[in-house]
Amino acid sequence: MGWLRVCALALVSTVAVSASTGLCQGRDLPGSNPIIRDTFLADPAPLVVGDTLYLYVDHDEARDGEMFNMREWMVYSTTDMKTWKAYPPILNIADLTWAKKDAWAPQAVQKNGKFYLYVPAEHDDTHPGKAIGVAVSDSPTGPFKDARGSALITNEMTPKGEHSWEDIDPTVLTDRDGTSWIAWGNRQCYIAKLKPNMIELDGPITEITPPHYVEGPWLHRRGDLYYLTYASMDPTGKDRNERVAYATAPSIQGPWTYRGELTGSAANSFTIHPGIAEFKGQSYLFLHNASLTIGDQKGALGRRAITVEHLRYNPDGTMKPVIQTQAGVSVPPAE
């Protein structure tokens, strides 16, 4: 598959994101997939601040023979969805005194004049298993520092799980009344209210697991409808790779109605991870796949790349199925 070759290298401080039309034909089209081609990245989480979209990601550093090697979180920004600016890493596992490895899927939100970054990691032996922490910064590009000095959510707080990586993939939504909610989980999906300070839970943890749920939840609201988009598994069992499905609700607390699959599985990747944003009048779905090759390192489970597609809605608020493409947003959205 020759199209997997890197067609253009990014400049030093700005990732001039290239684009392939399927084959390298002398010039790439800005906005095509993968959108960042000089670094393996996964688990995209967009945040719009004014006229800029910031994209929070984790850094895949696995070499051959490794499944995952992820030690830091990063951010990129764009004002046009074509060219992406890179920044120094915003947070490292070593910055969390309670964590020992696995800088997995983050999400950042803005509130109280600050930026809060919610991150999962492997806790040390005092609370074995995955946990979720929160870091804070005065800037969307960091640097971020641990806001608590301890994890916000630990494995023993969600006892229904039968595995140690249940507490991963946080997503946070601040509702119109100013209340913020955090959802997360692998195999089960949990939700809890956050206190106004954004670094403590404010009430019980409840379960909202929708059909075929695996991991990677993303909360957003459009009009009066709430959306829970997530990595799911084919209910027929024919495809063991994750895809994206979603549910909707009239309230953040449900009831949630399953709406079906939004995308198929990702190229060359067992995992997939949705992030949704509206930016300058257009809606976008961010994902990852493993279609990128950098040097002698081909895409793999621990070497993924970020993609983005146009997202469209039906009049009733349901989302139209999304086909993953190489063209990405280098072409206008379909009518």
C-alpha atoms as a PDB file:
ATOM      1  CA  MET A   1       0.000   0.000   0.000  1.00  0.00           C
ATOM      2  CA  GLY A   2       2.221   2.786  -1.320  1.00  0.00           C
ATOM      3  CA  TRP A   3      -0.117   5.546  -0.147  1.00  0.00           C
ATOM      4  CA  LEU A   4       1.010   4.902   3.408  1.00  0.00           C
ATOM      5  CA  ARG A   5       4.336   6.545   2.696  1.00  0.00           C
ATOM      6  CA  VAL A   6       4.967   9.914   4.265  1.00  0.00           C
ATOM      7  CA  CYS A   7       4.535  12.343   1.404  1.00  0.00           C
ATOM      8  CA  ALA A   8       5.893  15.436   3.115  1.00  0.00           C
ATOM      9  CA  LEU A   9       7.751  16.228   6.312  1.00  0.00           C
ATOM     10  CA  ALA A  10       6.513  18.911   8.662  1.00  0.00           C
ATOM     11  CA  LEU A  11       8.468  22.071   9.304  1.00  0.00           C
ATOM     12  CA  VAL A  12      10.127  22.471  12.691  1.00  0.00           C
ATOM     13  CA  SER A  13       7.610  24.518  14.655  1.00  0.00           C
ATOM     14  CA  THR A  14       4.561  24.224  12.451  1.00  0.00           C
ATOM     15  CA  VAL A  15       3.188  20.996  11.173  1.00  0.00           C
ATOM     16  CA  ALA A  16       2.175  21.914   7.628  1.00  0.00           C
ATOM     17  CA  VAL A  17      -0.269  19.142   7.469  1.00  0.00           C
ATOM     18  CA  SER A  18      -0.167  17.398   4.251  1.00  0.00           C
ATOM     19  CA  ALA A  19      -2.508  15.529   2.361  1.00  0.00           C
ATOM     20  CA  SER A  20      -2.664  12.654   0.163  1.00  0.00           C
ATOM     21  CA  THR A  21      -5.247  12.012  -2.482  1.00  0.00           C
ATOM     22  CA  GLY A  22      -4.601   8.311  -2.097  1.00  0.00           C
ATOM     23  CA  LEU A  23      -1.268   8.295  -3.897  1.00  0.00           C
ATOM     24  CA  CYS A  24       1.695  10.632  -3.635  1.00  0.00           C
ATOM     25  CA  GLN A  25       1.358  12.686  -6.800  1.00  0.00           C
ATOM     26  CA  GLY A  26       3.895  15.455  -6.258  1.00  0.00           C
ATOM     27  CA  ARG A  27       1.832  17.668  -3.938  1.00  0.00           C
ATOM     28  CA  ASP A  28      -0.313  17.001  -0.921  1.00  0.00           C
ATOM     29  CA  LEU A  29      -3.613  18.711  -0.231  1.00  0.00           C
ATOM     30  CA  PRO A  30      -3.761  20.436   3.181  1.00  0.00           C
ATOM     31  CA  GLY A  31      -6.465  18.919   5.327  1.00  0.00           C
ATOM     32  CA  SER A  32      -6.191  15.321   4.193  1.00  0.00           C
ATOM     33  CA  ASN A  33      -5.539  12.354   6.447  1.00  0.00           C
ATOM     34  CA  PRO A  34      -3.533  11.767   8.552  1.00  0.00           C
ATOM     35  CA  ILE A  35      -3.493  15.440   9.487  1.00  0.00           C
ATOM     36  CA  ILE A  36      -0.152  15.335  11.388  1.00  0.00           C
ATOM     37  CA  ARG A  37       2.576  13.267   9.772  1.00  0.00           C
ATOM     38  CA  ASP A  38       5.815  13.711  11.665  1.00  0.00           C
ATOM     39  CA  THR A  39       4.718  12.113  14.973  1.00  0.00           C
ATOM     40  CA  PHE A  40       2.632   9.089  15.954  1.00  0.00           C
ATOM     41  CA  LEU A  41      -0.358  10.357  17.943  1.00  0.00           C
ATOM     42  CA  ALA A  42      -3.662   8.945  19.179  1.00  0.00           C
ATOM     43  CA  ASP A  43      -6.918   9.669  21.009  1.00  0.00           C
ATOM     44  CA  PRO A  44      -7.750  13.161  19.664  1.00  0.00           C
ATOM     45  CA  ALA A  45      -9.707  15.568  21.869  1.00  0.00           C
ATOM     46  CA  PRO A  46     -10.594  18.939  20.298  1.00  0.00           C
ATOM     47  CA  LEU A  47     -11.255  22.156  22.231  1.00  0.00           C
ATOM     48  CA  VAL A  48     -12.369  25.391  20.564  1.00  0.00           C
ATOM     49  CA  VAL A  49     -11.196  28.643  22.133  1.00  0.00           C
ATOM     50  CA  GLY A  50     -12.190  31.720  20.147  1.00  0.00           C
ATOM     51  CA  ASP A  51     -10.951  31.410  16.582  1.00  0.00           C
ATOM     52  CA  THR A  52      -8.562  28.549  17.371  1.00  0.00           C
ATOM     53  CA  LEU A  53      -9.114  24.810  17.652  1.00  0.00           C
ATOM     54  CA  TYR A  54      -6.739  23.010  20.008  1.00  0.00           C
ATOM     55  CA  LEU A  55      -6.258  19.271  19.645  1.00  0.00           C
ATOM     56  CA  TYR A  56      -5.095  17.297  22.679  1.00  0.00           C
ATOM     57  CA  VAL A  57      -3.480  13.925  22.010  1.00  0.00           C
ATOM     58  CA  ASP A  58      -1.254  11.302  23.526  1.00  0.00           C
ATOM     59  CA  HIS A  59       2.103  10.393  21.997  1.00  0.00           C
ATOM     60  CA  ASP A  60       2.593   6.870  20.622  1.00  0.00           C
ATOM     61  CA  GLU A  61       6.258   5.882  20.989  1.00  0.00           C
ATOM     62  CA  ALA A  62       6.093   2.085  20.651  1.00  0.00           C
ATOM     63  CA  ARG A  63       8.876   0.447  18.680  1.00  0.00           C
ATOM     64  CA  ASP A  64       8.640  -2.946  17.032  1.00  0.00           C
ATOM     65  CA  GLY A  65       7.635  -5.593  19.564  1.00  0.00           C
ATOM     66  CA  GLU A  66       5.921  -3.102  21.912  1.00  0.00           C
ATOM     67  CA  MET A  67       2.156  -2.733  22.231  1.00  0.00           C
ATOM     68  CA  PHE A  68       2.056   0.723  23.860  1.00  0.00           C
ATOM     69  CA  ASN A  69       4.721   3.145  25.039  1.00  0.00           C
ATOM     70  CA  MET A  70       3.023   6.415  25.937  1.00  0.00           C
ATOM     71  CA  ARG A  71       4.646   8.841  28.340  1.00  0.00           C
ATOM     72  CA  GLU A  72       3.369  12.318  27.523  1.00  0.00           C
ATOM     73  CA  TRP A  73       0.452  14.410  26.346  1.00  0.00           C
ATOM     74  CA  MET A  74       0.695  16.958  23.555  1.00  0.00           C
ATOM     75  CA  VAL A  75      -1.378  19.698  21.913  1.00  0.00           C
ATOM     76  CA  TYR A  76      -1.620  21.127  18.407  1.00  0.00           C
ATOM     77  CA  SER A  77      -3.603  24.116  17.185  1.00  0.00           C
ATOM     78  CA  THR A  78      -5.193  25.335  13.973  1.00  0.00           C
ATOM     79  CA  THR A  79      -7.180  28.317  12.780  1.00  0.00           C
ATOM     80  CA  ASP A  80      -8.064  26.876   9.370  1.00  0.00           C
ATOM     81  CA  MET A  81      -8.275  23.053   9.777  1.00  0.00           C
ATOM     82  CA  LYS A  82      -5.478  22.801   7.217  1.00  0.00           C
ATOM     83  CA  THR A  83      -2.259  23.785   8.997  1.00  0.00           C
ATOM     84  CA  TRP A  84      -1.408  22.613  12.498  1.00  0.00           C
ATOM     85  CA  LYS A  85       1.011  24.209  14.933  1.00  0.00           C
ATOM     86  CA  ALA A  86       2.969  22.012  17.332  1.00  0.00           C
ATOM     87  CA  TYR A  87       3.897  22.896  20.915  1.00  0.00           C
ATOM     88  CA  PRO A  88       6.233  21.353  23.489  1.00  0.00           C
ATOM     89  CA  PRO A  89       4.687  18.453  25.450  1.00  0.00           C
ATOM     90  CA  ILE A  90       2.157  19.804  27.950  1.00  0.00           C
ATOM     91  CA  LEU A  91       2.304  17.064  30.617  1.00  0.00           C
ATOM     92  CA  ASN A  92       4.385  13.973  31.297  1.00  0.00           C
ATOM     93  CA  ILE A  93       3.738  10.887  33.396  1.00  0.00           C
ATOM     94  CA  ALA A  94       6.660  12.007  35.578  1.00  0.00           C
ATOM     95  CA  ASP A  95       4.667  15.165  36.438  1.00  0.00           C
ATOM     96  CA  LEU A  96       2.038  13.048  38.215  1.00  0.00           C
ATOM     97  CA  THR A  97       3.546  11.840  41.477  1.00  0.00           C
ATOM     98  CA  TRP A  98       0.883   9.127  41.847  1.00  0.00           C
ATOM     99  CA  ALA A  99       1.267   7.651  38.328  1.00  0.00           C
ATOM    100  CA  LYS A 100       3.885   5.288  36.945  1.00  0.00           C
ATOM    101  CA  LYS A 101       3.110   4.772  33.227  1.00  0.00           C
ATOM    102  CA  ASP A 102       0.573   4.912  30.374  1.00  0.00           C
ATOM    103  CA  ALA A 103      -0.248   8.463  29.311  1.00  0.00           C
ATOM    104  CA  TRP A 104      -3.550   7.529  27.663  1.00  0.00           C
ATOM    105  CA  ALA A 105      -6.511   9.403  26.140  1.00  0.00           C
ATOM    106  CA  PRO A 106      -6.906  12.989  27.492  1.00  0.00           C
ATOM    107  CA  GLN A 107      -9.500  15.714  27.226  1.00  0.00           C
ATOM    108  CA  ALA A 108      -9.159  19.416  28.051  1.00  0.00           C
ATOM    109  CA  VAL A 109     -11.911  21.897  28.937  1.00  0.00           C
ATOM    110  CA  GLN A 110     -12.010  25.583  29.768  1.00  0.00           C
ATOM    111  CA  LYS A 111     -13.666  26.886  32.930  1.00  0.00           C
ATOM    112  CA  ASN A 112     -13.063  29.458  35.662  1.00  0.00           C
ATOM    113  CA  GLY A 113     -10.570  31.243  33.409  1.00  0.00           C
ATOM    114  CA  LYS A 114      -8.351  28.172  33.428  1.00  0.00           C
ATOM    115  CA  PHE A 115      -7.833  25.014  31.382  1.00  0.00           C
ATOM    116  CA  TYR A 116      -8.288  21.575  32.924  1.00  0.00           C
ATOM    117  CA  LEU A 117      -6.718  18.474  31.397  1.00  0.00           C
ATOM    118  CA  TYR A 118      -8.222  15.122  32.429  1.00  0.00           C
ATOM    119  CA  VAL A 119      -5.868  12.203  31.923  1.00  0.00           C
ATOM    120  CA  PRO A 120      -5.815   8.459  32.605  1.00  0.00           C
ATOM    121  CA  ALA A 121      -2.659   6.699  33.759  1.00  0.00           C
ATOM    122  CA  GLU A 122      -1.497   3.610  35.625  1.00  0.00           C
ATOM    123  CA  HIS A 123      -1.567   4.381  39.344  1.00  0.00           C
ATOM    124  CA  ASP A 124       1.256   3.339  41.611  1.00  0.00           C
ATOM    125  CA  ASP A 125       0.844   0.352  43.916  1.00  0.00           C
ATOM    126  CA  THR A 126      -1.104   2.313  46.541  1.00  0.00           C
ATOM    127  CA  HIS A 127      -4.161   2.141  44.246  1.00  0.00           C
ATOM    128  CA  PRO A 128      -3.426  -0.574  41.665  1.00  0.00           C
ATOM    129  CA  GLY A 129      -4.940  -0.194  38.221  1.00  0.00           C
ATOM    130  CA  LYS A 130      -5.764   2.674  35.933  1.00  0.00           C
ATOM    131  CA  ALA A 131      -6.837   6.002  37.423  1.00  0.00           C
ATOM    132  CA  ILE A 132      -7.887   9.436  36.193  1.00  0.00           C
ATOM    133  CA  GLY A 133      -6.173  12.650  37.212  1.00  0.00           C
ATOM    134  CA  VAL A 134      -6.638  16.328  36.419  1.00  0.00           C
ATOM    135  CA  ALA A 135      -4.021  18.949  35.600  1.00  0.00           C
ATOM    136  CA  VAL A 136      -4.492  22.704  35.268  1.00  0.00           C
ATOM    137  CA  SER A 137      -2.980  25.552  33.279  1.00  0.00           C
ATOM    138  CA  ASP A 138      -3.597  29.224  32.593  1.00  0.00           C
ATOM    139  CA  SER A 139      -3.062  28.549  28.889  1.00  0.00           C
ATOM    140  CA  PRO A 140      -4.551  25.981  26.484  1.00  0.00           C
ATOM    141  CA  THR A 141      -0.997  25.144  25.388  1.00  0.00           C
ATOM    142  CA  GLY A 142       0.268  24.522  28.916  1.00  0.00           C
ATOM    143  CA  PRO A 143       2.382  23.650  30.612  1.00  0.00           C
ATOM    144  CA  PHE A 144      -0.095  21.822  32.839  1.00  0.00           C
ATOM    145  CA  LYS A 145       0.525  20.850  36.462  1.00  0.00           C
ATOM    146  CA  ASP A 146      -1.199  18.281  38.644  1.00  0.00           C
ATOM    147  CA  ALA A 147      -4.160  20.064  40.229  1.00  0.00           C
ATOM    148  CA  ARG A 148      -4.599  17.673  43.158  1.00  0.00           C
ATOM    149  CA  GLY A 149      -1.383  15.784  43.815  1.00  0.00           C
ATOM    150  CA  SER A 150      -3.559  12.664  43.719  1.00  0.00           C
ATOM    151  CA  ALA A 151      -5.901  10.903  41.334  1.00  0.00           C
ATOM    152  CA  LEU A 152      -9.490  12.089  40.927  1.00  0.00           C
ATOM    153  CA  ILE A 153     -10.828   8.594  40.228  1.00  0.00           C
ATOM    154  CA  THR A 154      -9.179   5.300  41.192  1.00  0.00           C
ATOM    155  CA  ASN A 155      -9.980   1.690  40.362  1.00  0.00           C
ATOM    156  CA  GLU A 156     -11.607   0.854  43.683  1.00  0.00           C
ATOM    157  CA  MET A 157     -14.154   3.656  43.185  1.00  0.00           C
ATOM    158  CA  THR A 158     -15.813   1.681  40.353  1.00  0.00           C
ATOM    159  CA  PRO A 159     -16.062  -1.832  41.796  1.00  0.00           C
ATOM    160  CA  LYS A 160     -18.279  -3.257  39.046  1.00  0.00           C
ATOM    161  CA  GLY A 161     -15.287  -3.675  36.761  1.00  0.00           C
ATOM    162  CA  GLU A 162     -13.509  -7.000  36.635  1.00  0.00           C
ATOM    163  CA  HIS A 163     -10.288  -5.649  35.145  1.00  0.00           C
ATOM    164  CA  SER A 164      -7.656  -3.102  36.147  1.00  0.00           C
ATOM    165  CA  TRP A 165      -8.062  -0.736  33.175  1.00  0.00           C
ATOM    166  CA  GLU A 166     -11.697   0.159  33.771  1.00  0.00           C
ATOM    167  CA  ASP A 167     -11.032   3.802  34.672  1.00  0.00           C
ATOM    168  CA  ILE A 168      -9.741   5.351  31.441  1.00  0.00           C
ATOM    169  CA  ASP A 169     -10.800   7.772  28.690  1.00  0.00           C
ATOM    170  CA  PRO A 170     -12.326  10.735  30.547  1.00  0.00           C
ATOM    171  CA  THR A 171     -14.648  13.141  28.743  1.00  0.00           C
ATOM    172  CA  VAL A 172     -15.996  16.314  30.335  1.00  0.00           C
ATOM    173  CA  LEU A 173     -19.002  18.433  29.363  1.00  0.00           C
ATOM    174  CA  THR A 174     -20.040  21.695  30.990  1.00  0.00           C
ATOM    175  CA  ASP A 175     -23.785  22.164  30.595  1.00  0.00           C
ATOM    176  CA  ARG A 176     -25.572  25.458  29.991  1.00  0.00           C
ATOM    177  CA  ASP A 177     -26.325  25.855  33.699  1.00  0.00           C
ATOM    178  CA  GLY A 178     -22.578  25.779  34.412  1.00  0.00           C
ATOM    179  CA  THR A 179     -22.580  22.257  35.863  1.00  0.00           C
ATOM    180  CA  SER A 180     -19.722  20.073  34.648  1.00  0.00           C
ATOM    181  CA  TRP A 181     -19.920  16.311  34.225  1.00  0.00           C
ATOM    182  CA  ILE A 182     -17.234  13.700  33.684  1.00  0.00           C
ATOM    183  CA  ALA A 183     -17.841  10.357  31.956  1.00  0.00           C
ATOM    184  CA  TRP A 184     -15.309   7.567  31.437  1.00  0.00           C
ATOM    185  CA  GLY A 185     -14.736   3.835  31.389  1.00  0.00           C
ATOM    186  CA  ASN A 186     -13.764   0.628  29.643  1.00  0.00           C
ATOM    187  CA  ARG A 187     -16.560  -1.992  29.300  1.00  0.00           C
ATOM    188  CA  GLN A 188     -18.743   0.090  31.584  1.00  0.00           C
ATOM    189  CA  CYS A 189     -19.428   3.788  31.049  1.00  0.00           C
ATOM    190  CA  TYR A 190     -19.695   5.876  34.208  1.00  0.00           C
ATOM    191  CA  ILE A 191     -20.714   9.473  34.822  1.00  0.00           C
ATOM    192  CA  ALA A 192     -20.398  11.834  37.797  1.00  0.00           C
ATOM    193  CA  LYS A 193     -20.862  15.517  38.519  1.00  0.00           C
ATOM    194  CA  LEU A 194     -17.797  17.670  39.134  1.00  0.00           C
ATOM    195  CA  LYS A 195     -17.623  20.359  41.796  1.00  0.00           C
ATOM    196  CA  PRO A 196     -17.262  23.935  40.510  1.00  0.00           C
ATOM    197  CA  ASN A 197     -13.519  23.745  41.231  1.00  0.00           C
ATOM    198  CA  MET A 198     -13.301  21.005  38.539  1.00  0.00           C
ATOM    199  CA  ILE A 199     -10.948  18.843  40.588  1.00  0.00           C
ATOM    200  CA  GLU A 200     -13.391  16.966  42.866  1.00  0.00           C
ATOM    201  CA  LEU A 201     -16.445  14.807  42.302  1.00  0.00           C
ATOM    202  CA  ASP A 202     -19.733  16.230  43.518  1.00  0.00           C
ATOM    203  CA  GLY A 203     -21.982  13.260  44.183  1.00  0.00           C
ATOM    204  CA  PRO A 204     -22.231   9.575  43.322  1.00  0.00           C
ATOM    205  CA  ILE A 205     -20.810   7.726  40.342  1.00  0.00           C
ATOM    206  CA  THR A 206     -23.563   6.195  38.200  1.00  0.00           C
ATOM    207  CA  GLU A 207     -23.483   3.890  35.184  1.00  0.00           C
ATOM    208  CA  ILE A 208     -24.818   4.867  31.746  1.00  0.00           C
ATOM    209  CA  THR A 209     -23.358   2.063  29.612  1.00  0.00           C
ATOM    210  CA  PRO A 210     -25.005   2.108  26.144  1.00  0.00           C
ATOM    211  CA  PRO A 211     -25.275  -0.918  23.800  1.00  0.00           C
ATOM    212  CA  HIS A 212     -22.045  -2.385  22.392  1.00  0.00           C
ATOM    213  CA  TYR A 213     -19.938   0.028  24.452  1.00  0.00           C
ATOM    214  CA  VAL A 214     -16.196  -0.632  24.790  1.00  0.00           C
ATOM    215  CA  GLU A 215     -14.387   2.615  25.699  1.00  0.00           C
ATOM    216  CA  GLY A 216     -13.529   6.146  24.533  1.00  0.00           C
ATOM    217  CA  PRO A 217     -16.719   8.090  25.405  1.00  0.00           C
ATOM    218  CA  TRP A 218     -17.199  11.641  24.137  1.00  0.00           C
ATOM    219  CA  LEU A 219     -19.948  13.921  25.466  1.00  0.00           C
ATOM    220  CA  HIS A 220     -21.300  16.893  23.548  1.00  0.00           C
ATOM    221  CA  ARG A 221     -24.531  18.846  23.266  1.00  0.00           C
ATOM    222  CA  ARG A 222     -26.228  20.307  20.205  1.00  0.00           C
ATOM    223  CA  GLY A 223     -29.408  22.258  20.764  1.00  0.00           C
ATOM    224  CA  ASP A 224     -31.464  20.395  23.356  1.00  0.00           C
ATOM    225  CA  LEU A 225     -29.964  16.994  22.541  1.00  0.00           C
ATOM    226  CA  TYR A 226     -27.084  15.330  24.386  1.00  0.00           C
ATOM    227  CA  TYR A 227     -24.750  12.940  22.578  1.00  0.00           C
ATOM    228  CA  LEU A 228     -22.620  10.108  23.936  1.00  0.00           C
ATOM    229  CA  THR A 229     -20.278   8.921  21.184  1.00  0.00           C
ATOM    230  CA  TYR A 230     -17.937   6.004  21.871  1.00  0.00           C
ATOM    231  CA  ALA A 231     -15.806   3.135  20.639  1.00  0.00           C
ATOM    232  CA  SER A 232     -18.053   0.112  20.196  1.00  0.00           C
ATOM    233  CA  MET A 233     -17.823  -3.505  19.095  1.00  0.00           C
ATOM    234  CA  ASP A 234     -19.645  -5.133  16.206  1.00  0.00           C
ATOM    235  CA  PRO A 235     -22.636  -6.851  17.843  1.00  0.00           C
ATOM    236  CA  THR A 236     -22.461  -9.709  15.332  1.00  0.00           C
ATOM    237  CA  GLY A 237     -18.929 -10.567  16.413  1.00  0.00           C
ATOM    238  CA  LYS A 238     -17.745 -10.708  12.803  1.00  0.00           C
ATOM    239  CA  ASP A 239     -15.375  -7.765  13.223  1.00  0.00           C
ATOM    240  CA  ARG A 240     -13.281  -7.626  16.380  1.00  0.00           C
ATOM    241  CA  ASN A 241     -12.018  -4.114  15.644  1.00  0.00           C
ATOM    242  CA  GLU A 242     -13.613  -1.157  17.369  1.00  0.00           C
ATOM    243  CA  ARG A 243     -15.959   1.177  15.494  1.00  0.00           C
ATOM    244  CA  VAL A 244     -17.764   4.329  16.579  1.00  0.00           C
ATOM    245  CA  ALA A 245     -21.385   4.286  17.784  1.00  0.00           C
ATOM    246  CA  TYR A 246     -23.499   6.806  19.635  1.00  0.00           C
ATOM    247  CA  ALA A 247     -26.547   7.410  21.792  1.00  0.00           C
ATOM    248  CA  THR A 248     -28.634  10.516  22.472  1.00  0.00           C
ATOM    249  CA  ALA A 249     -30.628  11.790  25.444  1.00  0.00           C
ATOM    250  CA  PRO A 250     -32.825  14.747  26.404  1.00  0.00           C
ATOM    251  CA  SER A 251     -30.767  15.166  29.594  1.00  0.00           C
ATOM    252  CA  ILE A 252     -27.164  14.528  30.580  1.00  0.00           C
ATOM    253  CA  GLN A 253     -28.544  11.972  33.022  1.00  0.00           C
ATOM    254  CA  GLY A 254     -30.535  10.178  30.329  1.00  0.00           C
ATOM    255  CA  PRO A 255     -32.402   8.192  29.375  1.00  0.00           C
ATOM    256  CA  TRP A 256     -29.941   7.357  26.593  1.00  0.00           C
ATOM    257  CA  THR A 257     -31.231   6.001  23.288  1.00  0.00           C
ATOM    258  CA  TYR A 258     -28.881   3.983  21.085  1.00  0.00           C
ATOM    259  CA  ARG A 259     -28.659   5.476  17.591  1.00  0.00           C
ATOM    260  CA  GLY A 260     -26.371   2.990  15.849  1.00  0.00           C
ATOM    261  CA  GLU A 261     -22.916   3.131  14.337  1.00  0.00           C
ATOM    262  CA  LEU A 262     -21.362   6.382  13.194  1.00  0.00           C
ATOM    263  CA  THR A 263     -18.244   4.923  11.539  1.00  0.00           C
ATOM    264  CA  GLY A 264     -16.660   1.616  10.692  1.00  0.00           C
ATOM    265  CA  SER A 265     -13.327   0.468  12.093  1.00  0.00           C
ATOM    266  CA  ALA A 266     -10.045   2.354  11.639  1.00  0.00           C
ATOM    267  CA  ALA A 267      -7.440   1.424   9.044  1.00  0.00           C
ATOM    268  CA  ASN A 268      -4.848  -0.968  10.465  1.00  0.00           C
ATOM    269  CA  SER A 269      -5.920  -0.266  14.054  1.00  0.00           C
ATOM    270  CA  PHE A 270      -7.920  -2.326  16.542  1.00  0.00           C
ATOM    271  CA  THR A 271      -8.723   0.842  18.500  1.00  0.00           C
ATOM    272  CA  ILE A 272     -10.627   3.962  17.482  1.00  0.00           C
ATOM    273  CA  HIS A 273     -11.374   7.088  19.503  1.00  0.00           C
ATOM    274  CA  PRO A 274     -13.871   9.857  18.641  1.00  0.00           C
ATOM    275  CA  GLY A 275     -13.634  13.565  19.424  1.00  0.00           C
ATOM    276  CA  ILE A 276     -16.259  16.036  18.182  1.00  0.00           C
ATOM    277  CA  ALA A 277     -16.177  19.806  17.764  1.00  0.00           C
ATOM    278  CA  GLU A 278     -18.019  22.596  15.998  1.00  0.00           C
ATOM    279  CA  PHE A 279     -15.585  25.137  14.595  1.00  0.00           C
ATOM    280  CA  LYS A 280     -16.330  28.190  12.472  1.00  0.00           C
ATOM    281  CA  GLY A 281     -19.746  26.907  11.474  1.00  0.00           C
ATOM    282  CA  GLN A 282     -18.695  23.354  10.600  1.00  0.00           C
ATOM    283  CA  SER A 283     -18.841  20.148  12.637  1.00  0.00           C
ATOM    284  CA  TYR A 284     -15.910  17.750  12.719  1.00  0.00           C
ATOM    285  CA  LEU A 285     -15.255  14.201  13.874  1.00  0.00           C
ATOM    286  CA  PHE A 286     -11.675  13.452  14.931  1.00  0.00           C
ATOM    287  CA  LEU A 287     -10.444   9.861  14.985  1.00  0.00           C
ATOM    288  CA  HIS A 288      -7.227   7.894  14.777  1.00  0.00           C
ATOM    289  CA  ASN A 289      -5.980   5.043  12.605  1.00  0.00           C
ATOM    290  CA  ALA A 290      -2.630   3.360  11.965  1.00  0.00           C
ATOM    291  CA  SER A 291      -2.079   4.285   8.324  1.00  0.00           C
ATOM    292  CA  LEU A 292       1.056   6.397   8.793  1.00  0.00           C
ATOM    293  CA  THR A 293       4.662   5.374   8.217  1.00  0.00           C
ATOM    294  CA  ILE A 294       7.497   7.491   9.596  1.00  0.00           C
ATOM    295  CA  GLY A 295      10.964   6.411   8.525  1.00  0.00           C
ATOM    296  CA  ASP A 296      11.255   2.684   9.113  1.00  0.00           C
ATOM    297  CA  GLN A 297       8.317   2.587  11.540  1.00  0.00           C
ATOM    298  CA  LYS A 298       5.010   1.524  10.063  1.00  0.00           C
ATOM    299  CA  GLY A 299       1.660   2.224  11.653  1.00  0.00           C
ATOM    300  CA  ALA A 300       0.618  -0.221  14.361  1.00  0.00           C
ATOM    301  CA  LEU A 301      -1.472  -0.506  17.531  1.00  0.00           C
ATOM    302  CA  GLY A 302       1.070   1.640  19.377  1.00  0.00           C
ATOM    303  CA  ARG A 303       1.885   3.867  16.390  1.00  0.00           C
ATOM    304  CA  ARG A 304      -1.295   5.621  15.348  1.00  0.00           C
ATOM    305  CA  ALA A 305      -2.141   8.843  13.514  1.00  0.00           C
ATOM    306  CA  ILE A 306      -4.882  11.481  13.772  1.00  0.00           C
ATOM    307  CA  THR A 307      -7.602  11.892  11.160  1.00  0.00           C
ATOM    308  CA  VAL A 308     -10.570  14.230  10.821  1.00  0.00           C
ATOM    309  CA  GLU A 309     -13.781  14.106   8.790  1.00  0.00           C
ATOM    310  CA  HIS A 310     -16.712  16.421   8.244  1.00  0.00           C
ATOM    311  CA  LEU A 311     -19.649  15.590  10.525  1.00  0.00           C
ATOM    312  CA  ARG A 312     -23.228  16.233   9.432  1.00  0.00           C
ATOM    313  CA  TYR A 313     -26.576  16.007  11.214  1.00  0.00           C
ATOM    314  CA  ASN A 314     -30.044  15.020  10.062  1.00  0.00           C
ATOM    315  CA  PRO A 315     -33.012  17.339  10.742  1.00  0.00           C
ATOM    316  CA  ASP A 316     -34.028  15.170  13.698  1.00  0.00           C
ATOM    317  CA  GLY A 317     -30.617  15.651  15.319  1.00  0.00           C
ATOM    318  CA  THR A 318     -29.188  12.226  14.544  1.00  0.00           C
ATOM    319  CA  MET A 319     -25.720  12.187  13.017  1.00  0.00           C
ATOM    320  CA  LYS A 320     -25.181  11.028   9.461  1.00  0.00           C
ATOM    321  CA  PRO A 321     -22.837   8.034   9.079  1.00  0.00           C
ATOM    322  CA  VAL A 322     -19.232   9.054   8.455  1.00  0.00           C
ATOM    323  CA  ILE A 323     -17.008   7.359   5.892  1.00  0.00           C
ATOM    324  CA  GLN A 324     -13.335   7.513   6.830  1.00  0.00           C
ATOM    325  CA  THR A 325     -11.321   8.901   3.937  1.00  0.00           C
ATOM    326  CA  GLN A 326      -7.825   9.893   2.902  1.00  0.00           C
ATOM    327  CA  ALA A 327      -9.166  13.223   1.584  1.00  0.00           C
ATOM    328  CA  GLY A 328     -10.474  14.251   5.026  1.00  0.00           C
ATOM    329  CA  VAL A 329     -11.363  17.928   5.169  1.00  0.00           C
ATOM    330  CA  SER A 330      -9.307  18.811   2.090  1.00  0.00           C
ATOM    331  CA  VAL A 331     -12.636  18.555   0.254  1.00  0.00           C
ATOM    332  CA  PRO A 332     -15.898  20.301   1.195  1.00  0.00           C
ATOM    333  CA  PRO A 333     -18.512  18.377   3.175  1.00  0.00           C
ATOM    334  CA  ALA A 334     -21.037  16.429   1.147  1.00  0.00           C
ATOM    335  CA  GLU A 335     -24.476  17.924   0.763  1.00  0.00           C
END
